[in-house]
Full PDB file with SEQRES, HELIX, SHEET, SSBOND, CRYST1, ORIGX, SCALE, CONECT and MASTER records, all heavy atoms in Angstrom:
SEQRES   1 A   42  PRO VAL ILE ASP PRO ARG ILE LYS GLU ILE GLY PHE GLY          
SEQRES   2 A   42  ILE ALA CYS GLY LYS SER ARG GLU TRP PHE ARG ASN ASN          
SEQRES   3 A   42  ALA ALA LYS CYS PRO GLU ASN ALA ASP PRO GLU GLU HIS          
SEQRES   4 A   42  LYS SER PHE                                                  
HELIX    1 AA1 PRO A    5  ILE A    7  5                                   3    
HELIX    2 AA2 GLY A   13  ALA A   15  5                                   3    
HELIX    3 AA3 ARG A   20  ASN A   26  1                                   7    
HELIX    4 AA4 PRO A   36  GLU A   38  5                                   3    
CRYST1    1.000    1.000    1.000  90.00  90.00  90.00 P 1           1          
ORIGX1      1.000000  0.000000  0.000000        0.00000                         
ORIGX2      0.000000  1.000000  0.000000        0.00000                         
ORIGX3      0.000000  0.000000  1.000000        0.00000                         
SCALE1      1.000000  0.000000  0.000000        0.00000                         
SCALE2      0.000000  1.000000  0.000000        0.00000                         
SCALE3      0.000000  0.000000  1.000000        0.00000                         
ATOM      1  N   PRO A   1       3.297 -61.413 -75.274  1.00  0.00           N  
ATOM      2  CA  PRO A   1       2.634 -60.704 -74.308  1.00  0.00           C  
ATOM      3  C   PRO A   1       2.447 -61.429 -73.029  1.00  0.00           C  
ATOM      4  O   PRO A   1       2.219 -62.693 -72.954  1.00  0.00           O  
ATOM      5  CB  PRO A   1       1.285 -60.262 -74.935  1.00  0.00           C  
ATOM      6  CG  PRO A   1       1.538 -60.322 -76.281  1.00  0.00           C  
ATOM      7  CD  PRO A   1       2.471 -61.440 -76.498  1.00  0.00           C  
ATOM      8  N   VAL A   2       2.600 -60.842 -71.792  1.00  0.00           N  
ATOM      9  CA  VAL A   2       2.216 -61.366 -70.522  1.00  0.00           C  
ATOM     10  C   VAL A   2       0.638 -61.457 -70.480  1.00  0.00           C  
ATOM     11  O   VAL A   2      -0.060 -60.417 -70.741  1.00  0.00           O  
ATOM     12  CB  VAL A   2       2.771 -60.548 -69.275  1.00  0.00           C  
ATOM     13  CG1 VAL A   2       2.259 -61.089 -68.083  1.00  0.00           C  
ATOM     14  CG2 VAL A   2       4.300 -60.569 -69.470  1.00  0.00           C  
ATOM     15  N   ILE A   3       0.064 -62.536 -70.054  1.00  0.00           N  
ATOM     16  CA  ILE A   3      -1.424 -62.585 -69.926  1.00  0.00           C  
ATOM     17  C   ILE A   3      -1.757 -62.422 -68.506  1.00  0.00           C  
ATOM     18  O   ILE A   3      -1.261 -63.193 -67.622  1.00  0.00           O  
ATOM     19  CB  ILE A   3      -1.792 -64.062 -70.517  1.00  0.00           C  
ATOM     20  CG1 ILE A   3      -1.389 -64.131 -71.846  1.00  0.00           C  
ATOM     21  CG2 ILE A   3      -3.407 -64.128 -70.361  1.00  0.00           C  
ATOM     22  CD1 ILE A   3      -1.886 -63.298 -72.857  1.00  0.00           C  
ATOM     23  N   ASP A   4      -2.754 -61.509 -68.140  1.00  0.00           N  
ATOM     24  CA  ASP A   4      -3.134 -61.274 -66.752  1.00  0.00           C  
ATOM     25  C   ASP A   4      -4.662 -61.147 -66.902  1.00  0.00           C  
ATOM     26  O   ASP A   4      -5.200 -60.200 -67.364  1.00  0.00           O  
ATOM     27  CB  ASP A   4      -2.501 -59.930 -66.323  1.00  0.00           C  
ATOM     28  CG  ASP A   4      -2.606 -59.876 -64.868  1.00  0.00           C  
ATOM     29  OD1 ASP A   4      -3.735 -59.993 -64.339  1.00  0.00           O  
ATOM     30  OD2 ASP A   4      -1.557 -59.395 -64.176  1.00  0.00           O  
ATOM     31  N   PRO A   5      -5.270 -62.170 -66.235  1.00  0.00           N  
ATOM     32  CA  PRO A   5      -6.791 -62.030 -66.346  1.00  0.00           C  
ATOM     33  C   PRO A   5      -7.433 -61.054 -65.362  1.00  0.00           C  
ATOM     34  O   PRO A   5      -8.713 -60.694 -65.530  1.00  0.00           O  
ATOM     35  CB  PRO A   5      -7.189 -63.437 -65.689  1.00  0.00           C  
ATOM     36  CG  PRO A   5      -5.979 -63.864 -64.883  1.00  0.00           C  
ATOM     37  CD  PRO A   5      -4.769 -63.228 -65.647  1.00  0.00           C  
ATOM     38  N   ARG A   6      -6.551 -60.286 -64.617  1.00  0.00           N  
ATOM     39  CA  ARG A   6      -7.109 -59.315 -63.827  1.00  0.00           C  
ATOM     40  C   ARG A   6      -7.687 -58.067 -64.625  1.00  0.00           C  
ATOM     41  O   ARG A   6      -8.637 -57.273 -64.131  1.00  0.00           O  
ATOM     42  CB  ARG A   6      -6.114 -58.705 -62.755  1.00  0.00           C  
ATOM     43  CG  ARG A   6      -5.892 -59.769 -61.736  1.00  0.00           C  
ATOM     44  CD  ARG A   6      -4.793 -59.264 -60.773  1.00  0.00           C  
ATOM     45  NE  ARG A   6      -3.555 -59.023 -61.369  1.00  0.00           N  
ATOM     46  CZ  ARG A   6      -2.457 -58.522 -60.686  1.00  0.00           C  
ATOM     47  NH1 ARG A   6      -2.540 -58.111 -59.612  1.00  0.00           N  
ATOM     48  NH2 ARG A   6      -1.237 -58.328 -61.437  1.00  0.00           N  
ATOM     49  N   ILE A   7      -7.373 -57.944 -65.825  1.00  0.00           N  
ATOM     50  CA  ILE A   7      -7.709 -56.913 -66.721  1.00  0.00           C  
ATOM     51  C   ILE A   7      -8.716 -57.250 -67.833  1.00  0.00           C  
ATOM     52  O   ILE A   7      -9.062 -56.464 -68.763  1.00  0.00           O  
ATOM     53  CB  ILE A   7      -6.566 -56.130 -67.433  1.00  0.00           C  
ATOM     54  CG1 ILE A   7      -5.639 -57.006 -68.187  1.00  0.00           C  
ATOM     55  CG2 ILE A   7      -5.740 -55.289 -66.378  1.00  0.00           C  
ATOM     56  CD1 ILE A   7      -4.643 -56.271 -69.005  1.00  0.00           C  
ATOM     57  N   LYS A   8      -9.355 -58.402 -67.569  1.00  0.00           N  
ATOM     58  CA  LYS A   8     -10.401 -58.880 -68.381  1.00  0.00           C  
ATOM     59  C   LYS A   8     -11.799 -58.043 -68.112  1.00  0.00           C  
ATOM     60  O   LYS A   8     -11.728 -57.455 -67.163  1.00  0.00           O  
ATOM     61  CB  LYS A   8     -10.728 -60.423 -68.264  1.00  0.00           C  
ATOM     62  CG  LYS A   8     -11.394 -60.772 -67.064  1.00  0.00           C  
ATOM     63  CD  LYS A   8     -11.274 -62.261 -66.603  1.00  0.00           C  
ATOM     64  CE  LYS A   8     -11.661 -63.180 -67.829  1.00  0.00           C  
ATOM     65  NZ  LYS A   8     -11.506 -64.578 -67.424  1.00  0.00           N  
ATOM     66  N   GLU A   9     -12.656 -58.245 -69.062  1.00  0.00           N  
ATOM     67  CA  GLU A   9     -13.979 -57.487 -68.893  1.00  0.00           C  
ATOM     68  C   GLU A   9     -14.617 -57.924 -67.664  1.00  0.00           C  
ATOM     69  O   GLU A   9     -14.336 -59.070 -66.979  1.00  0.00           O  
ATOM     70  CB  GLU A   9     -14.843 -57.788 -70.138  1.00  0.00           C  
ATOM     71  CG  GLU A   9     -16.133 -57.061 -70.330  1.00  0.00           C  
ATOM     72  CD  GLU A   9     -15.837 -55.535 -70.199  1.00  0.00           C  
ATOM     73  OE1 GLU A   9     -15.605 -55.002 -69.057  1.00  0.00           O  
ATOM     74  OE2 GLU A   9     -15.837 -54.942 -71.284  1.00  0.00           O  
ATOM     75  N   ILE A  10     -15.608 -57.279 -67.233  1.00  0.00           N  
ATOM     76  CA  ILE A  10     -16.436 -57.557 -65.992  1.00  0.00           C  
ATOM     77  C   ILE A  10     -17.145 -58.779 -66.373  1.00  0.00           C  
ATOM     78  O   ILE A  10     -17.653 -59.125 -67.481  1.00  0.00           O  
ATOM     79  CB  ILE A  10     -17.353 -56.426 -65.627  1.00  0.00           C  
ATOM     80  CG1 ILE A  10     -18.177 -56.858 -64.329  1.00  0.00           C  
ATOM     81  CG2 ILE A  10     -18.401 -56.145 -66.725  1.00  0.00           C  
ATOM     82  CD1 ILE A  10     -18.944 -55.642 -63.755  1.00  0.00           C  
ATOM     83  N   GLY A  11     -17.227 -59.770 -65.331  1.00  0.00           N  
ATOM     84  CA  GLY A  11     -17.984 -61.068 -65.465  1.00  0.00           C  
ATOM     85  C   GLY A  11     -19.410 -60.945 -65.167  1.00  0.00           C  
ATOM     86  O   GLY A  11     -19.829 -60.457 -64.178  1.00  0.00           O  
ATOM     87  N   PHE A  12     -20.216 -61.358 -66.142  1.00  0.00           N  
ATOM     88  CA  PHE A  12     -21.661 -61.246 -65.980  1.00  0.00           C  
ATOM     89  C   PHE A  12     -22.327 -62.773 -65.792  1.00  0.00           C  
ATOM     90  O   PHE A  12     -23.520 -62.895 -65.942  1.00  0.00           O  
ATOM     91  CB  PHE A  12     -22.371 -60.635 -67.223  1.00  0.00           C  
ATOM     92  CG  PHE A  12     -22.278 -59.150 -67.174  1.00  0.00           C  
ATOM     93  CD1 PHE A  12     -22.027 -58.420 -68.362  1.00  0.00           C  
ATOM     94  CD2 PHE A  12     -22.479 -58.375 -66.063  1.00  0.00           C  
ATOM     95  CE1 PHE A  12     -21.961 -57.118 -68.347  1.00  0.00           C  
ATOM     96  CE2 PHE A  12     -22.299 -57.057 -65.921  1.00  0.00           C  
ATOM     97  CZ  PHE A  12     -22.159 -56.381 -67.159  1.00  0.00           C  
ATOM     98  N   GLY A  13     -21.436 -63.610 -65.359  1.00  0.00           N  
ATOM     99  CA  GLY A  13     -21.941 -64.894 -64.935  1.00  0.00           C  
ATOM    100  C   GLY A  13     -22.666 -65.614 -65.996  1.00  0.00           C  
ATOM    101  O   GLY A  13     -22.252 -65.846 -67.125  1.00  0.00           O  
ATOM    102  N   ILE A  14     -23.921 -66.178 -65.734  1.00  0.00           N  
ATOM    103  CA  ILE A  14     -24.746 -66.865 -66.629  1.00  0.00           C  
ATOM    104  C   ILE A  14     -25.207 -66.079 -67.826  1.00  0.00           C  
ATOM    105  O   ILE A  14     -25.593 -66.748 -68.787  1.00  0.00           O  
ATOM    106  CB  ILE A  14     -26.054 -67.479 -65.882  1.00  0.00           C  
ATOM    107  CG1 ILE A  14     -26.897 -66.250 -65.467  1.00  0.00           C  
ATOM    108  CG2 ILE A  14     -25.733 -68.375 -64.840  1.00  0.00           C  
ATOM    109  CD1 ILE A  14     -28.322 -66.733 -65.030  1.00  0.00           C  
ATOM    110  N   ALA A  15     -25.007 -64.853 -67.873  1.00  0.00           N  
ATOM    111  CA  ALA A  15     -25.280 -63.965 -69.097  1.00  0.00           C  
ATOM    112  C   ALA A  15     -24.297 -64.179 -70.151  1.00  0.00           C  
ATOM    113  O   ALA A  15     -24.535 -63.711 -71.361  1.00  0.00           O  
ATOM    114  CB  ALA A  15     -25.353 -62.478 -68.750  1.00  0.00           C  
ATOM    115  N   CYS A  16     -23.017 -64.663 -69.885  1.00  0.00           N  
ATOM    116  CA  CYS A  16     -22.012 -64.977 -70.960  1.00  0.00           C  
ATOM    117  C   CYS A  16     -22.717 -65.916 -71.986  1.00  0.00           C  
ATOM    118  O   CYS A  16     -23.191 -66.955 -71.537  1.00  0.00           O  
ATOM    119  CB  CYS A  16     -20.794 -65.570 -70.297  1.00  0.00           C  
ATOM    120  SG  CYS A  16     -19.858 -64.302 -69.200  1.00  0.00           S  
ATOM    121  N   GLY A  17     -22.565 -65.618 -73.143  1.00  0.00           N  
ATOM    122  CA  GLY A  17     -22.966 -66.494 -74.180  1.00  0.00           C  
ATOM    123  C   GLY A  17     -24.448 -66.129 -74.515  1.00  0.00           C  
ATOM    124  O   GLY A  17     -24.958 -66.698 -75.533  1.00  0.00           O  
ATOM    125  N   LYS A  18     -24.971 -65.097 -73.855  1.00  0.00           N  
ATOM    126  CA  LYS A  18     -26.465 -64.784 -74.095  1.00  0.00           C  
ATOM    127  C   LYS A  18     -26.557 -63.479 -74.920  1.00  0.00           C  
ATOM    128  O   LYS A  18     -25.372 -62.696 -75.044  1.00  0.00           O  
ATOM    129  CB  LYS A  18     -27.218 -64.527 -72.911  1.00  0.00           C  
ATOM    130  CG  LYS A  18     -27.174 -65.829 -71.865  1.00  0.00           C  
ATOM    131  CD  LYS A  18     -28.025 -66.874 -72.531  1.00  0.00           C  
ATOM    132  CE  LYS A  18     -28.520 -67.904 -71.523  1.00  0.00           C  
ATOM    133  NZ  LYS A  18     -27.386 -68.600 -70.782  1.00  0.00           N  
ATOM    134  N   SER A  19     -27.550 -63.088 -75.334  1.00  0.00           N  
ATOM    135  CA  SER A  19     -27.739 -61.795 -76.152  1.00  0.00           C  
ATOM    136  C   SER A  19     -27.963 -60.619 -75.173  1.00  0.00           C  
ATOM    137  O   SER A  19     -28.322 -60.759 -74.112  1.00  0.00           O  
ATOM    138  CB  SER A  19     -29.054 -61.970 -77.044  1.00  0.00           C  
ATOM    139  OG  SER A  19     -30.241 -61.967 -76.317  1.00  0.00           O  
ATOM    140  N   ARG A  20     -27.742 -59.586 -75.671  1.00  0.00           N  
ATOM    141  CA  ARG A  20     -28.052 -58.321 -74.887  1.00  0.00           C  
ATOM    142  C   ARG A  20     -29.370 -58.190 -74.526  1.00  0.00           C  
ATOM    143  O   ARG A  20     -29.761 -57.662 -73.464  1.00  0.00           O  
ATOM    144  CB  ARG A  20     -27.499 -57.034 -75.747  1.00  0.00           C  
ATOM    145  CG  ARG A  20     -26.046 -56.917 -76.023  1.00  0.00           C  
ATOM    146  CD  ARG A  20     -25.629 -55.774 -76.801  1.00  0.00           C  
ATOM    147  NE  ARG A  20     -24.332 -55.919 -77.293  1.00  0.00           N  
ATOM    148  CZ  ARG A  20     -23.729 -55.154 -78.072  1.00  0.00           C  
ATOM    149  NH1 ARG A  20     -24.369 -54.116 -78.699  1.00  0.00           N  
ATOM    150  NH2 ARG A  20     -22.356 -55.245 -78.447  1.00  0.00           N  
ATOM    151  N   GLU A  21     -30.291 -58.554 -75.490  1.00  0.00           N  
ATOM    152  CA  GLU A  21     -31.756 -58.481 -75.199  1.00  0.00           C  
ATOM    153  C   GLU A  21     -32.078 -59.402 -73.920  1.00  0.00           C  
ATOM    154  O   GLU A  21     -32.799 -59.094 -73.026  1.00  0.00           O  
ATOM    155  CB  GLU A  21     -32.488 -58.937 -76.425  1.00  0.00           C  
ATOM    156  CG  GLU A  21     -34.003 -58.893 -76.154  1.00  0.00           C  
ATOM    157  CD  GLU A  21     -34.872 -59.221 -77.378  1.00  0.00           C  
ATOM    158  OE1 GLU A  21     -34.199 -59.741 -78.423  1.00  0.00           O  
ATOM    159  OE2 GLU A  21     -36.114 -59.038 -77.428  1.00  0.00           O  
ATOM    160  N   TRP A  22     -31.492 -60.726 -73.926  1.00  0.00           N  
ATOM    161  CA  TRP A  22     -31.707 -61.478 -72.817  1.00  0.00           C  
ATOM    162  C   TRP A  22     -31.225 -60.873 -71.499  1.00  0.00           C  
ATOM    163  O   TRP A  22     -31.768 -60.980 -70.514  1.00  0.00           O  
ATOM    164  CB  TRP A  22     -31.058 -62.895 -73.215  1.00  0.00           C  
ATOM    165  CG  TRP A  22     -31.130 -63.982 -72.068  1.00  0.00           C  
ATOM    166  CD1 TRP A  22     -32.111 -64.928 -72.096  1.00  0.00           C  
ATOM    167  CD2 TRP A  22     -30.509 -64.013 -70.827  1.00  0.00           C  
ATOM    168  NE1 TRP A  22     -32.040 -65.692 -70.958  1.00  0.00           N  
ATOM    169  CE2 TRP A  22     -31.037 -65.224 -70.124  1.00  0.00           C  
ATOM    170  CE3 TRP A  22     -29.437 -63.416 -70.285  1.00  0.00           C  
ATOM    171  CZ2 TRP A  22     -30.660 -65.608 -68.877  1.00  0.00           C  
ATOM    172  CZ3 TRP A  22     -29.007 -63.838 -68.968  1.00  0.00           C  
ATOM    173  CH2 TRP A  22     -29.588 -64.791 -68.334  1.00  0.00           C  
ATOM    174  N   PHE A  23     -29.932 -60.227 -71.738  1.00  0.00           N  
ATOM    175  CA  PHE A  23     -29.416 -59.596 -70.392  1.00  0.00           C  
ATOM    176  C   PHE A  23     -30.419 -58.633 -69.905  1.00  0.00           C  
ATOM    177  O   PHE A  23     -30.744 -58.499 -68.717  1.00  0.00           O  
ATOM    178  CB  PHE A  23     -28.148 -58.967 -70.734  1.00  0.00           C  
ATOM    179  CG  PHE A  23     -27.377 -58.282 -69.603  1.00  0.00           C  
ATOM    180  CD1 PHE A  23     -26.489 -58.970 -68.813  1.00  0.00           C  
ATOM    181  CD2 PHE A  23     -27.731 -56.907 -69.377  1.00  0.00           C  
ATOM    182  CE1 PHE A  23     -25.887 -58.317 -67.831  1.00  0.00           C  
ATOM    183  CE2 PHE A  23     -27.061 -56.368 -68.339  1.00  0.00           C  
ATOM    184  CZ  PHE A  23     -26.251 -57.018 -67.483  1.00  0.00           C  
ATOM    185  N   ARG A  24     -30.916 -57.656 -70.848  1.00  0.00           N  
ATOM    186  CA  ARG A  24     -31.922 -56.643 -70.413  1.00  0.00           C  
ATOM    187  C   ARG A  24     -33.103 -57.279 -69.846  1.00  0.00           C  
ATOM    188  O   ARG A  24     -33.605 -56.700 -68.780  1.00  0.00           O  
ATOM    189  CB  ARG A  24     -32.194 -55.709 -71.560  1.00  0.00           C  
ATOM    190  CG  ARG A  24     -31.145 -54.843 -72.033  1.00  0.00           C  
ATOM    191  CD  ARG A  24     -31.693 -53.877 -73.073  1.00  0.00           C  
ATOM    192  NE  ARG A  24     -32.232 -54.471 -74.275  1.00  0.00           N  
ATOM    193  CZ  ARG A  24     -31.500 -54.728 -75.339  1.00  0.00           C  
ATOM    194  NH1 ARG A  24     -30.181 -54.336 -75.464  1.00  0.00           N  
ATOM    195  NH2 ARG A  24     -31.918 -55.195 -76.533  1.00  0.00           N  
ATOM    196  N   ASN A  25     -33.579 -58.406 -70.278  1.00  0.00           N  
ATOM    197  CA  ASN A  25     -34.821 -59.023 -69.703  1.00  0.00           C  
ATOM    198  C   ASN A  25     -34.673 -59.836 -68.443  1.00  0.00           C  
ATOM    199  O   ASN A  25     -35.575 -59.988 -67.715  1.00  0.00           O  
ATOM    200  CB  ASN A  25     -35.406 -59.845 -70.855  1.00  0.00           C  
ATOM    201  CG  ASN A  25     -35.949 -59.006 -71.951  1.00  0.00           C  
ATOM    202  OD1 ASN A  25     -36.221 -57.922 -71.867  1.00  0.00           O  
ATOM    203  ND2 ASN A  25     -35.973 -59.766 -73.165  1.00  0.00           N  
ATOM    204  N   ASN A  26     -33.461 -60.107 -68.126  1.00  0.00           N  
ATOM    205  CA  ASN A  26     -33.155 -61.023 -67.011  1.00  0.00           C  
ATOM    206  C   ASN A  26     -32.296 -60.540 -65.885  1.00  0.00           C  
ATOM    207  O   ASN A  26     -32.346 -61.127 -64.805  1.00  0.00           O  
ATOM    208  CB  ASN A  26     -32.586 -62.327 -67.514  1.00  0.00           C  
ATOM    209  CG  ASN A  26     -33.533 -63.156 -68.392  1.00  0.00           C  
ATOM    210  OD1 ASN A  26     -34.451 -63.957 -67.895  1.00  0.00           O  
ATOM    211  ND2 ASN A  26     -33.440 -62.973 -69.695  1.00  0.00           N  
ATOM    212  N   ALA A  27     -31.457 -59.416 -66.175  1.00  0.00           N  
ATOM    213  CA  ALA A  27     -30.688 -58.972 -65.133  1.00  0.00           C  
ATOM    214  C   ALA A  27     -31.420 -58.416 -64.014  1.00  0.00           C  
ATOM    215  O   ALA A  27     -32.438 -57.733 -64.118  1.00  0.00           O  
ATOM    216  CB  ALA A  27     -29.757 -57.870 -65.756  1.00  0.00           C  
ATOM    217  N   ALA A  28     -31.004 -58.686 -62.782  1.00  0.00           N  
ATOM    218  CA  ALA A  28     -31.620 -58.225 -61.541  1.00  0.00           C  
ATOM    219  C   ALA A  28     -31.384 -56.669 -61.476  1.00  0.00           C  
ATOM    220  O   ALA A  28     -30.265 -56.154 -61.694  1.00  0.00           O  
ATOM    221  CB  ALA A  28     -31.124 -58.880 -60.318  1.00  0.00           C  
ATOM    222  N   LYS A  29     -32.406 -55.966 -61.058  1.00  0.00           N  
ATOM    223  CA  LYS A  29     -32.220 -54.501 -60.748  1.00  0.00           C  
ATOM    224  C   LYS A  29     -31.718 -54.287 -59.445  1.00  0.00           C  
ATOM    225  O   LYS A  29     -31.891 -55.112 -58.513  1.00  0.00           O  
ATOM    226  CB  LYS A  29     -33.789 -53.811 -60.749  1.00  0.00           C  
ATOM    227  CG  LYS A  29     -34.462 -54.182 -62.132  1.00  0.00           C  
ATOM    228  CD  LYS A  29     -33.798 -53.614 -63.373  1.00  0.00           C  
ATOM    229  CE  LYS A  29     -34.573 -53.797 -64.763  1.00  0.00           C  
ATOM    230  NZ  LYS A  29     -33.756 -53.578 -65.896  1.00  0.00           N  
ATOM    231  N   CYS A  30     -30.996 -53.323 -59.371  1.00  0.00           N  
ATOM    232  CA  CYS A  30     -30.366 -52.916 -57.998  1.00  0.00           C  
ATOM    233  C   CYS A  30     -31.519 -52.349 -57.159  1.00  0.00           C  
ATOM    234  O   CYS A  30     -32.134 -51.408 -57.410  1.00  0.00           O  
ATOM    235  CB  CYS A  30     -29.348 -51.785 -58.282  1.00  0.00           C  
ATOM    236  SG  CYS A  30     -28.441 -51.325 -56.771  1.00  0.00           S  
ATOM    237  N   PRO A  31     -31.594 -53.002 -55.874  1.00  0.00           N  
ATOM    238  CA  PRO A  31     -32.702 -52.582 -54.982  1.00  0.00           C  
ATOM    239  C   PRO A  31     -32.401 -51.173 -54.580  1.00  0.00           C  
ATOM    240  O   PRO A  31     -31.306 -50.613 -54.398  1.00  0.00           O  
ATOM    241  CB  PRO A  31     -32.418 -53.545 -53.778  1.00  0.00           C  
ATOM    242  CG  PRO A  31     -31.654 -54.768 -54.402  1.00  0.00           C  
ATOM    243  CD  PRO A  31     -30.772 -54.261 -55.407  1.00  0.00           C  
ATOM    244  N   GLU A  32     -33.549 -50.456 -54.288  1.00  0.00           N  
ATOM    245  CA  GLU A  32     -33.472 -49.105 -53.665  1.00  0.00           C  
ATOM    246  C   GLU A  32     -32.737 -49.065 -52.386  1.00  0.00           C  
ATOM    247  O   GLU A  32     -32.802 -49.994 -51.611  1.00  0.00           O  
ATOM    248  CB  GLU A  32     -34.866 -48.673 -53.494  1.00  0.00           C  
ATOM    249  CG  GLU A  32     -34.920 -47.113 -53.255  1.00  0.00           C  
ATOM    250  CD  GLU A  32     -36.342 -46.653 -53.171  1.00  0.00           C  
ATOM    251  OE1 GLU A  32     -37.232 -47.410 -53.590  1.00  0.00           O  
ATOM    252  OE2 GLU A  32     -36.532 -45.441 -52.709  1.00  0.00           O  
ATOM    253  N   ASN A  33     -31.884 -48.134 -52.239  1.00  0.00           N  
ATOM    254  CA  ASN A  33     -31.016 -47.976 -50.966  1.00  0.00           C  
ATOM    255  C   ASN A  33     -29.760 -48.931 -51.019  1.00  0.00           C  
ATOM    256  O   ASN A  33     -29.099 -48.845 -49.954  1.00  0.00           O  
ATOM    257  CB  ASN A  33     -31.840 -48.069 -49.730  1.00  0.00           C  
ATOM    258  CG  ASN A  33     -32.833 -47.023 -49.633  1.00  0.00           C  
ATOM    259  OD1 ASN A  33     -32.633 -45.898 -50.052  1.00  0.00           O  
ATOM    260  ND2 ASN A  33     -34.045 -47.452 -49.090  1.00  0.00           N  
ATOM    261  N   ALA A  34     -29.668 -49.828 -51.965  1.00  0.00           N  
ATOM    262  CA  ALA A  34     -28.521 -50.695 -52.008  1.00  0.00           C  
ATOM    263  C   ALA A  34     -27.308 -49.950 -52.714  1.00  0.00           C  
ATOM    264  O   ALA A  34     -27.478 -48.895 -53.358  1.00  0.00           O  
ATOM    265  CB  ALA A  34     -28.810 -51.949 -52.861  1.00  0.00           C  
ATOM    266  N   ASP A  35     -26.180 -50.517 -52.401  1.00  0.00           N  
ATOM    267  CA  ASP A  35     -24.960 -49.782 -53.018  1.00  0.00           C  
ATOM    268  C   ASP A  35     -24.837 -50.383 -54.536  1.00  0.00           C  
ATOM    269  O   ASP A  35     -24.479 -51.443 -54.697  1.00  0.00           O  
ATOM    270  CB  ASP A  35     -23.661 -50.319 -52.299  1.00  0.00           C  
ATOM    271  CG  ASP A  35     -22.539 -49.646 -52.747  1.00  0.00           C  
ATOM    272  OD1 ASP A  35     -22.434 -48.903 -53.821  1.00  0.00           O  
ATOM    273  OD2 ASP A  35     -21.290 -49.773 -52.137  1.00  0.00           O  
ATOM    274  N   PRO A  36     -24.983 -49.601 -55.466  1.00  0.00           N  
ATOM    275  CA  PRO A  36     -24.893 -49.932 -56.821  1.00  0.00           C  
ATOM    276  C   PRO A  36     -23.576 -50.535 -57.125  1.00  0.00           C  
ATOM    277  O   PRO A  36     -23.325 -51.387 -58.118  1.00  0.00           O  
ATOM    278  CB  PRO A  36     -25.155 -48.608 -57.701  1.00  0.00           C  
ATOM    279  CG  PRO A  36     -25.920 -47.713 -56.724  1.00  0.00           C  
ATOM    280  CD  PRO A  36     -25.267 -48.090 -55.489  1.00  0.00           C  
ATOM    281  N   GLU A  37     -22.501 -50.081 -56.538  1.00  0.00           N  
ATOM    282  CA  GLU A  37     -21.094 -50.579 -56.817  1.00  0.00           C  
ATOM    283  C   GLU A  37     -21.016 -52.080 -56.490  1.00  0.00           C  
ATOM    284  O   GLU A  37     -20.187 -52.727 -57.067  1.00  0.00           O  
ATOM    285  CB  GLU A  37     -20.157 -49.760 -55.962  1.00  0.00           C  
ATOM    286  CG  GLU A  37     -18.696 -49.930 -56.306  1.00  0.00           C  
ATOM    287  CD  GLU A  37     -18.190 -49.431 -57.602  1.00  0.00           C  
ATOM    288  OE1 GLU A  37     -19.006 -48.809 -58.279  1.00  0.00           O  
ATOM    289  OE2 GLU A  37     -17.073 -49.588 -57.889  1.00  0.00           O  
ATOM    290  N   GLU A  38     -21.744 -52.530 -55.474  1.00  0.00           N  
ATOM    291  CA  GLU A  38     -21.685 -53.878 -55.095  1.00  0.00           C  
ATOM    292  C   GLU A  38     -22.848 -54.736 -55.591  1.00  0.00           C  
ATOM    293  O   GLU A  38     -22.861 -55.906 -55.292  1.00  0.00           O  
ATOM    294  CB  GLU A  38     -21.603 -53.997 -53.585  1.00  0.00           C  
ATOM    295  CG  GLU A  38     -20.501 -53.258 -52.998  1.00  0.00           C  
ATOM    296  CD  GLU A  38     -18.954 -53.765 -53.570  1.00  0.00           C  
ATOM    297  OE1 GLU A  38     -18.910 -54.894 -53.889  1.00  0.00           O  
ATOM    298  OE2 GLU A  38     -18.087 -52.978 -53.509  1.00  0.00           O  
ATOM    299  N   HIS A  39     -23.770 -54.173 -56.337  1.00  0.00           N  
ATOM    300  CA  HIS A  39     -24.799 -54.884 -56.950  1.00  0.00           C  
ATOM    301  C   HIS A  39     -24.346 -55.817 -57.954  1.00  0.00           C  
ATOM    302  O   HIS A  39     -23.509 -55.571 -58.853  1.00  0.00           O  
ATOM    303  CB  HIS A  39     -25.847 -53.999 -57.511  1.00  0.00           C  
ATOM    304  CG  HIS A  39     -26.929 -54.655 -58.349  1.00  0.00           C  
ATOM    305  ND1 HIS A  39     -27.841 -55.502 -57.652  1.00  0.00           N  
ATOM    306  CD2 HIS A  39     -27.092 -54.685 -59.619  1.00  0.00           C  
ATOM    307  CE1 HIS A  39     -28.587 -55.949 -58.700  1.00  0.00           C  
ATOM    308  NE2 HIS A  39     -28.287 -55.436 -59.751  1.00  0.00           N  
ATOM    309  N   LYS A  40     -24.957 -57.052 -58.129  1.00  0.00           N  
ATOM    310  CA  LYS A  40     -24.536 -58.142 -59.047  1.00  0.00           C  
ATOM    311  C   LYS A  40     -25.778 -58.305 -60.001  1.00  0.00           C  
ATOM    312  O   LYS A  40     -26.934 -58.705 -59.372  1.00  0.00           O  
ATOM    313  CB  LYS A  40     -24.150 -59.394 -58.411  1.00  0.00           C  
ATOM    314  CG  LYS A  40     -22.836 -59.280 -57.553  1.00  0.00           C  
ATOM    315  CD  LYS A  40     -22.350 -60.605 -57.063  1.00  0.00           C  
ATOM    316  CE  LYS A  40     -20.995 -60.448 -56.371  1.00  0.00           C  
ATOM    317  NZ  LYS A  40     -20.478 -61.710 -55.851  1.00  0.00           N  
ATOM    318  N   SER A  41     -25.683 -58.246 -61.199  1.00  0.00           N  
ATOM    319  CA  SER A  41     -26.771 -58.477 -62.134  1.00  0.00           C  
ATOM    320  C   SER A  41     -27.325 -59.960 -62.130  1.00  0.00           C  
ATOM    321  O   SER A  41     -28.491 -60.153 -62.235  1.00  0.00           O  
ATOM    322  CB  SER A  41     -26.240 -58.188 -63.591  1.00  0.00           C  
ATOM    323  OG  SER A  41     -25.955 -56.830 -63.706  1.00  0.00           O  
ATOM    324  N   PHE A  42     -26.442 -60.869 -61.610  1.00  0.00           N  
ATOM    325  CA  PHE A  42     -26.821 -62.260 -61.559  1.00  0.00           C  
ATOM    326  C   PHE A  42     -25.955 -62.842 -60.344  1.00  0.00           C  
ATOM    327  O   PHE A  42     -24.947 -62.326 -60.021  1.00  0.00           O  
ATOM    328  CB  PHE A  42     -26.496 -63.133 -62.733  1.00  0.00           C  
ATOM    329  CG  PHE A  42     -27.165 -62.597 -64.043  1.00  0.00           C  
ATOM    330  CD1 PHE A  42     -26.497 -61.726 -64.850  1.00  0.00           C  
ATOM    331  CD2 PHE A  42     -28.532 -62.943 -64.371  1.00  0.00           C  
ATOM    332  CE1 PHE A  42     -27.063 -61.127 -66.061  1.00  0.00           C  
ATOM    333  CE2 PHE A  42     -29.143 -62.350 -65.577  1.00  0.00           C  
ATOM    334  CZ  PHE A  42     -28.362 -61.462 -66.299  1.00  0.00           C  
TER     335      PHE A  42                                                      
MASTER        0    0    0    4    0    0    0    6  334    1    0    4          
END                                                                             
């Protein structure tokens, strides 16, 4: 197979290697009136 990193999963930065619970407790909430499409959890 050809390997293409452009179709890998979304990158969650420092959350990689962490639990889903840790993610829920530490991910930044999208500010009101901000564009959710461009919001970064970390």
